Amino acid sequence: MFGVDWNDPQTLWLNITNLALGLVTLGCVLVFAYSVYAELRGRARRRAEMAGIDGELRAMLGSRGAGKSR
C-alpha cells in the first residue's frame, strides 16, 4: 500500500512515525476547517439577527428619523 513495506524491521518505526504524523496533520486540518465553518456560520447568524434592527430603531425614534440631526 503506497509503496510502504510494513514487514521491513529497519523502516517499521519510521513508517509508524510517518503514519502518526499524518494522522495528527489530518486532525489539525479538520479542526481548522471546522473552526472556519463555525466562524462563518456565526457571522451569518448574527447578520440575520441584525437585519431588522434598522427598522426597529426607526420605529422607536418615530418621526425624528434615525441619525438625522436638525
Protein backbone atom coordinates (compact mmCIF):
# COMPACT_ATOMS: atom_id res chain seq x y z
CA MET A 1 0.00 0.00 0.00
CA PHE A 2 1.56 3.29 -1.19
CA GLY A 3 4.94 1.58 -1.55
CA VAL A 4 5.33 1.10 2.22
CA ASP A 5 6.82 -2.20 3.36
CA TRP A 6 5.36 -2.83 6.82
CA ASN A 7 7.35 -6.07 7.18
CA ASP A 8 10.79 -4.45 6.95
CA PRO A 9 12.11 -4.13 10.55
CA GLN A 10 14.55 -1.38 9.59
CA THR A 11 11.82 1.01 8.45
CA LEU A 12 8.94 -0.10 10.69
CA TRP A 13 9.37 2.70 13.24
CA LEU A 14 9.84 5.26 10.51
CA ASN A 15 6.61 4.12 8.89
CA ILE A 16 4.75 4.18 12.22
CA THR A 17 6.06 7.68 12.94
CA ASN A 18 5.05 8.91 9.50
CA LEU A 19 1.58 7.41 9.93
CA ALA A 20 1.17 9.08 13.33
CA LEU A 21 2.33 12.44 11.96
CA GLY A 22 -0.05 12.09 9.03
CA LEU A 23 -2.96 11.43 11.37
CA VAL A 24 -2.04 14.41 13.56
CA THR A 25 -1.83 16.63 10.47
CA LEU A 26 -5.21 15.38 9.26
CA GLY A 27 -6.70 16.09 12.69
CA CYS A 28 -5.31 19.63 12.65
CA VAL A 29 -6.73 20.27 9.20
CA LEU A 30 -10.14 19.02 10.32
CA VAL A 31 -10.11 21.23 13.43
CA PHE A 32 -9.13 24.24 11.33
CA ALA A 33 -11.85 23.54 8.75
CA TYR A 34 -14.49 23.19 11.49
CA SER A 35 -13.32 26.45 13.09
CA VAL A 36 -13.66 28.32 9.80
CA TYR A 37 -17.11 26.78 9.26
CA ALA A 38 -18.27 27.71 12.78
CA GLU A 39 -17.00 31.29 12.39
CA LEU A 40 -18.75 31.78 9.06
CA ARG A 41 -21.96 30.23 10.41
CA GLY A 42 -21.83 32.53 13.45
CA ARG A 43 -21.33 35.61 11.29
CA ALA A 44 -24.26 34.66 9.07
CA ARG A 45 -26.45 34.08 12.12
CA ARG A 46 -25.53 37.46 13.62
CA ARG A 47 -26.14 39.17 10.29
CA ALA A 48 -29.59 37.56 10.10
CA GLU A 49 -30.40 38.64 13.67
CA MET A 50 -29.35 42.24 12.96
CA ALA A 51 -31.22 42.52 9.65
CA GLY A 52 -34.35 44.06 11.17
CA ILE A 53 -32.69 46.29 13.75
CA ASP A 54 -32.60 49.35 11.50
CA GLY A 55 -36.39 49.27 11.07
CA GLU A 56 -36.87 48.78 14.81
CA LEU A 57 -34.65 51.77 15.56
CA ARG A 58 -36.55 53.98 13.14
CA ALA A 59 -39.84 52.87 14.66
CA MET A 60 -38.57 53.71 18.16
CA LEU A 61 -37.33 57.14 17.11
CA GLY A 62 -40.55 57.86 15.28
CA SER A 63 -40.70 60.97 13.12
CA ARG A 64 -37.26 62.22 14.21
CA GLY A 65 -35.55 59.71 11.96
CA ALA A 66 -32.50 57.60 12.65
CA GLY A 67 -29.29 59.54 12.92
CA LYS A 68 -30.61 62.72 11.34
CA SER A 69 -29.59 65.93 13.05
CA ARG A 70 -31.60 69.14 12.79
